[in-house]
Protein backbone atom coordinates (compact mmCIF):
# COMPACT_ATOMS: atom_id res chain seq x y z
CA MET A 1 35.51 -1.22 32.11
CA ALA A 2 34.29 -2.06 28.93
CA GLY A 3 36.35 -3.15 25.58
CA GLY A 4 37.96 -0.24 23.79
CA ARG A 5 38.55 1.48 27.32
CA LEU A 6 41.79 1.83 28.96
CA ARG A 7 42.22 -0.89 31.36
CA LEU A 8 45.42 -2.33 33.17
CA GLY A 9 44.94 -5.66 32.13
CA GLY A 10 43.24 -7.86 29.36
CA LYS A 11 43.02 -11.85 30.26
CA GLY A 12 44.31 -12.63 26.90
CA ARG A 13 42.18 -10.16 25.01
CA ALA A 14 44.21 -8.48 22.00
CA PRO A 15 45.65 -5.19 23.64
CA GLY A 16 47.61 -1.97 21.94
CA ASN A 17 49.63 -0.17 24.14
CA ILE A 18 49.72 3.50 25.45
CA THR A 19 51.87 5.50 27.47
CA LEU A 20 50.55 8.68 29.03
CA ALA A 21 52.88 11.94 29.70
CA SER A 22 52.65 11.23 33.37
CA GLY A 23 54.76 7.66 32.41
CA LEU A 24 51.95 5.51 33.58
CA PHE A 25 51.46 2.56 31.06
CA LEU A 26 48.14 1.51 29.95
CA ILE A 27 46.51 -1.04 27.72
CA THR A 28 43.75 -0.21 25.29
CA LEU A 29 42.05 -3.57 24.24
CA LEU A 30 41.20 -3.89 20.39
CA THR A 31 38.54 -6.37 20.57
CA VAL A 32 34.83 -6.28 21.71
CA ASN A 33 33.48 -8.93 23.89
CA LEU A 34 29.92 -9.42 22.75
CA LEU A 35 27.53 -11.97 24.69
CA PHE A 36 24.59 -12.88 23.01
CA VAL A 37 21.54 -14.34 25.31
CA GLY A 38 19.26 -17.26 23.91
CA ASP A 39 15.44 -17.13 24.12
CA ILE A 40 14.47 -15.99 27.61
CA VAL A 41 11.73 -17.75 28.95
CA GLY A 42 9.33 -16.23 31.45
CA GLU A 43 9.81 -15.55 35.01
CA PRO A 44 12.60 -17.95 35.45
CA GLY A 45 14.46 -16.56 32.50
CA ARG A 46 14.00 -13.02 33.73
CA TYR A 47 15.36 -13.99 37.14
CA ALA A 48 18.37 -15.85 35.62
CA ILE A 49 19.18 -12.70 33.75
CA ARG A 50 18.80 -10.43 36.87
CA ARG A 51 20.89 -12.79 39.04
CA ILE A 52 23.63 -14.47 36.45
CA LEU A 53 24.09 -11.45 33.89
CA PRO A 54 25.92 -9.02 36.18
CA ARG A 55 28.37 -11.45 37.55
CA LEU A 56 29.08 -12.76 33.73
CA ARG A 57 29.62 -9.13 32.46
CA GLU A 58 32.17 -8.67 35.31
CA THR A 59 34.14 -12.25 35.13
CA ARG A 60 33.90 -12.32 31.40
CA GLN A 61 34.95 -8.99 30.52
CA ILE A 62 31.52 -8.17 28.42
CA ASP A 63 31.02 -5.10 26.64
CA MET A 64 27.50 -5.50 24.91
CA VAL A 65 24.79 -8.02 25.63
CA ILE A 66 22.12 -8.68 22.93
CA ALA A 67 19.30 -10.92 24.30
CA ASN A 68 16.30 -12.72 22.39
CA GLY A 69 12.95 -11.70 24.66
CA GLU A 70 10.22 -12.94 22.47
CA ASN A 71 9.49 -15.29 25.18
CA SER A 72 9.93 -13.48 28.47
CA ALA A 73 6.39 -12.72 29.30
CA GLY A 74 4.82 -15.81 30.80
CA GLY A 75 6.46 -17.88 27.81
CA ALA A 76 4.69 -16.14 25.24
CA GLY A 77 5.36 -12.49 23.65
CA ILE A 78 6.90 -9.47 25.44
CA THR A 79 5.28 -6.71 27.27
CA VAL A 80 6.82 -3.29 28.16
CA ASN A 81 7.39 -4.38 32.08
CA THR A 82 9.36 -7.62 31.04
CA ALA A 83 11.48 -5.72 28.60
CA MET A 84 12.33 -2.75 31.08
CA GLU A 85 13.18 -5.65 33.46
CA ILE A 86 15.64 -7.13 31.02
CA PHE A 87 17.19 -3.89 30.23
CA ASP A 88 17.57 -3.41 33.51
CA SER A 89 19.32 -6.11 34.11
CA GLY A 90 21.97 -5.25 31.46
CA VAL A 91 21.14 -6.45 28.14
CA ASP A 92 21.66 -3.50 25.77
CA ILE A 93 19.53 -5.00 22.88
CA ILE A 94 16.28 -6.96 22.78
CA THR A 95 15.69 -9.45 19.52
CA THR A 96 12.53 -11.30 19.04
CA GLY A 97 10.81 -13.60 16.49
CA ASP A 98 7.63 -15.44 15.60
CA HIS A 99 6.26 -14.93 19.06
CA LEU A 100 6.60 -11.18 18.59
CA TRP A 101 2.74 -10.14 18.40
CA ASP A 102 1.60 -12.69 21.29
CA GLN A 103 1.04 -9.58 23.73
CA LYS A 104 -0.83 -6.42 22.31
CA GLU A 105 1.34 -3.89 24.14
CA VAL A 106 4.40 -4.78 22.00
CA LYS A 107 3.47 -2.08 19.60
CA PHE A 108 4.27 0.51 22.11
CA LEU A 109 7.70 -1.15 22.14
CA LEU A 110 8.25 -1.22 18.54
CA LEU A 111 7.30 2.69 18.36
CA THR A 112 9.18 3.66 21.09
CA GLU A 113 11.94 1.77 21.99
CA SER A 114 15.12 1.90 20.05
CA ARG A 115 16.82 -0.89 21.91
CA PHE A 116 14.13 -3.20 20.85
CA LEU A 117 14.04 -5.32 17.55
CA ARG A 118 11.75 -7.34 15.52
CA PRO A 119 12.60 -9.05 12.29
CA LEU A 120 14.14 -7.20 9.59
CA ASN A 121 11.94 -9.39 7.02
CA TYR A 122 8.64 -7.81 7.77
CA PRO A 123 7.01 -6.46 5.04
CA PRO A 124 7.25 -2.34 4.55
CA GLY A 125 4.95 -0.48 6.79
CA THR A 126 5.23 -2.81 9.95
CA PRO A 127 5.85 -0.84 12.97
CA GLY A 128 9.44 -1.18 14.54
CA GLN A 129 12.60 -1.50 13.28
CA GLY A 130 14.91 -4.55 12.04
CA SER A 131 18.37 -3.39 12.74
CA VAL A 132 19.99 -0.71 14.76
CA ILE A 133 23.35 0.50 15.59
CA TRP A 134 24.32 0.44 19.22
CA ARG A 135 26.55 2.83 20.84
CA SER A 136 28.12 3.17 24.03
CA GLU A 137 31.02 5.21 25.52
CA GLY A 138 34.50 3.26 25.07
CA VAL A 139 32.96 0.69 22.75
CA PRO A 140 33.11 0.71 19.17
CA PRO A 141 29.65 0.77 17.70
CA VAL A 142 27.98 -2.40 16.70
CA GLY A 143 25.47 -3.11 14.25
CA VAL A 144 22.61 -5.69 15.15
CA ILE A 145 20.42 -7.54 12.81
CA ASN A 146 17.04 -9.55 13.48
CA LEU A 147 15.95 -12.27 10.83
CA GLN A 148 13.29 -14.71 10.79
CA GLY A 149 13.10 -17.81 8.53
CA ARG A 150 10.53 -19.22 6.44
CA THR A 151 11.00 -22.53 6.70
CA PHE A 152 8.21 -24.27 8.83
CA MET A 153 7.63 -20.50 9.82
CA GLY A 154 5.18 -17.62 8.97
CA PRO A 155 5.40 -16.15 5.38
CA LEU A 156 7.72 -13.11 6.12
CA ASP A 157 9.86 -11.61 3.14
CA ASN A 158 12.60 -13.61 1.93
CA PRO A 159 15.57 -13.08 4.75
CA PHE A 160 18.61 -13.69 2.24
CA PRO A 161 18.31 -10.62 0.03
CA CYS A 162 17.22 -8.51 3.36
CA ALA A 163 20.12 -9.63 5.20
CA LYS A 164 22.59 -9.08 2.24
CA ALA A 165 21.28 -5.72 1.69
CA GLU A 166 20.96 -4.77 5.16
CA ALA A 167 24.66 -6.09 6.00
CA ALA A 168 25.87 -3.54 3.21
CA ARG A 169 24.03 -0.44 4.41
CA LEU A 170 25.42 -0.67 7.95
CA ARG A 171 29.11 -1.63 7.21
CA PRO A 172 30.27 1.90 6.26
CA MET A 173 28.95 2.56 9.68
CA THR A 174 30.66 -0.03 11.53
CA LYS A 175 32.63 -3.14 10.97
CA ILE A 176 30.91 -5.27 13.59
CA ILE A 177 27.75 -6.54 12.87
CA PHE A 178 25.75 -9.37 14.72
CA VAL A 179 22.65 -11.50 13.28
CA ASP A 180 20.11 -12.74 15.29
CA MET A 181 18.71 -15.28 12.73
CA HIS A 182 15.34 -16.75 14.28
CA ALA A 183 14.70 -19.87 12.42
CA GLU A 184 13.31 -23.66 12.67
CA ALA A 185 15.32 -25.02 9.96
CA THR A 186 18.86 -25.79 10.75
CA SER A 187 19.67 -25.49 6.78
CA GLU A 188 18.14 -22.26 6.41
CA LYS A 189 20.18 -20.83 9.55
CA ILE A 190 23.41 -22.26 8.20
CA ALA A 191 22.90 -21.37 4.84
CA ILE A 192 22.29 -17.21 5.57
CA ALA A 193 25.77 -17.65 7.68
CA ARG A 194 27.54 -18.78 4.78
CA MET A 195 26.07 -16.22 2.56
CA LEU A 196 27.31 -13.54 4.99
CA ASP A 197 30.52 -15.13 5.95
CA GLY A 198 32.79 -12.44 6.17
CA GLN A 199 30.35 -9.46 5.80
CA VAL A 200 29.22 -9.50 9.31
CA SER A 201 30.63 -10.90 12.55
CA ALA A 202 28.64 -13.33 13.94
CA VAL A 203 25.14 -15.31 12.86
CA VAL A 204 23.54 -17.15 15.91
CA GLY A 205 20.33 -18.74 15.72
CA THR A 206 17.51 -18.86 17.88
CA HIS A 207 13.79 -20.08 18.24
CA THR A 208 14.66 -24.05 18.83
CA HIS A 209 15.46 -23.65 22.05
CA VAL A 210 18.15 -26.37 22.19
CA GLN A 211 21.94 -25.58 22.20
CA THR A 212 23.83 -26.96 19.53
CA ALA A 213 27.25 -27.78 19.89
CA ASP A 214 28.51 -26.58 16.05
CA GLU A 215 30.14 -23.02 17.13
CA GLN A 216 32.80 -22.39 14.74
CA ILE A 217 34.24 -19.41 12.77
CA PHE A 218 33.93 -19.76 8.99
CA PRO A 219 37.01 -18.71 6.47
CA GLY A 220 35.66 -15.20 6.04
CA GLY A 221 35.70 -14.22 9.89
CA THR A 222 31.94 -14.87 10.64
CA ALA A 223 31.49 -16.72 13.94
CA TYR A 224 28.26 -19.33 13.91
CA LEU A 225 26.26 -21.27 16.12
CA THR A 226 22.97 -22.80 14.74
CA ASP A 227 21.20 -22.33 18.32
CA ALA A 228 21.98 -20.29 21.50
CA GLY A 229 19.65 -22.57 23.66
CA PHE A 230 17.42 -20.86 26.14
CA THR A 231 17.39 -19.13 29.02
CA GLY A 232 14.94 -20.37 31.63
CA PRO A 233 13.93 -23.83 33.06
CA HIS A 234 15.67 -26.77 31.82
CA GLU A 235 14.03 -29.49 33.73
CA SER A 236 10.97 -28.95 31.07
CA VAL A 237 10.15 -29.29 27.78
CA LEU A 238 11.66 -26.58 25.86
CA GLY A 239 10.75 -24.35 29.01
CA ARG A 240 7.16 -25.65 29.57
CA GLU A 241 5.88 -27.99 32.21
CA ILE A 242 6.57 -31.50 31.51
CA ALA A 243 3.20 -33.55 31.76
CA PRO A 244 0.96 -31.25 29.41
CA VAL A 245 3.16 -31.20 26.83
CA ILE A 246 3.25 -35.04 26.91
CA GLU A 247 -0.66 -35.38 27.32
CA ARG A 248 -0.79 -33.19 23.96
CA PHE A 249 1.36 -35.67 21.88
CA ILE A 250 -0.77 -38.78 23.32
CA THR A 251 -4.01 -37.27 23.03
CA ASN A 252 -3.76 -34.35 20.41
CA THR A 253 -6.21 -32.26 22.84
CA PRO A 254 -5.48 -28.88 23.92
CA GLN A 255 -3.60 -28.33 27.07
CA LYS A 256 -2.25 -25.36 28.84
CA PHE A 257 1.65 -25.20 28.61
CA GLY A 258 2.70 -23.48 31.84
CA VAL A 259 6.13 -22.36 32.42
CA ALA A 260 8.34 -24.58 33.99
CA SER A 261 10.42 -24.24 36.84
CA GLY A 262 13.17 -26.35 37.38
CA ASN A 263 17.40 -26.38 36.54
CA VAL A 264 17.46 -22.63 35.36
CA LEU A 265 20.12 -21.81 32.97
CA LEU A 266 21.41 -18.78 31.34
CA GLN A 267 22.70 -20.05 27.57
CA GLY A 268 24.17 -18.26 24.59
CA ALA A 269 26.91 -17.84 23.28
CA LEU A 270 30.25 -15.14 24.03
CA ILE A 271 31.96 -13.98 21.02
CA GLU A 272 35.45 -12.16 20.61
CA ILE A 273 35.42 -9.45 18.05
CA ASP A 274 38.46 -7.84 16.14
CA ASN A 275 37.60 -4.49 16.56
CA ASP A 276 39.11 -2.83 13.29
CA SER A 277 38.09 -5.50 10.84
CA GLY A 278 34.96 -7.11 12.45
CA LYS A 279 36.26 -10.81 12.11
CA ALA A 280 35.29 -12.90 14.64
CA LEU A 281 38.42 -14.03 16.91
CA LYS A 282 36.46 -16.53 19.23
CA ILE A 283 33.28 -18.20 19.81
CA GLN A 284 32.13 -20.04 22.87
CA ARG A 285 29.04 -21.55 24.38
CA VAL A 286 27.50 -20.37 27.62
CA SER A 287 25.32 -22.19 29.67
CA GLU A 288 25.55 -20.85 33.60
CA PRO A 289 23.16 -22.41 36.31
CA LEU A 290 21.49 -20.32 38.67
């Protein structure tokens, strides 16, 4: 059962003790295990989610799963069907980024699906939502914020004041807040995480598709990882077939970048968070082979 529910064990997770009237001694968990899944790329990435995620949820005692799904439809954008496939595989919240608009039908998701996020720092009036409070029986509420950087990316509103204001808005409703910072520049990701240290539980970067080795917990209790990596074929160039990408670099001519197929991994980060304070206790990179 998920974090916050009664269990007969905890595998090292912080327990609180309860003795029932019957005399049965049980343990209630005081932490939430949150798995964030790096950018899902195409059908191989979706297949990895279907095959690997149920096992991970059980073996790692995962209470909530957030995944970036902006490349899940053929490696470019997301559709209603691919989103539903991801949800049905055990993902609770889908975040996105600069490929949000690659599929026209995404507008339907933005208008109708409460579990689907686009970057918060789009201008007022843009369809959809940039944050959500996720609730599930037996688990404390979790706030999720989706941001997009501006360095080497499209001209959106400044994510720094947006993030600070949204974290302040969510904190009276929940101490546990996760941020997907979808950005190109490492410095921009680190800076926004440092600014939010102590105000959110975790900031994990997406977009560059290369898992970094800098997982840490900042002094204020915010877990951080510059990039979660990607879920999909790693015998590739960032999930795409190798030869066309090389040809593009050599000749500077248009090429069709098909989704690759070899060495499929589910990558991301597993974060343990204290229920009462919202502070991260542990962050661990995940890279599970298919």
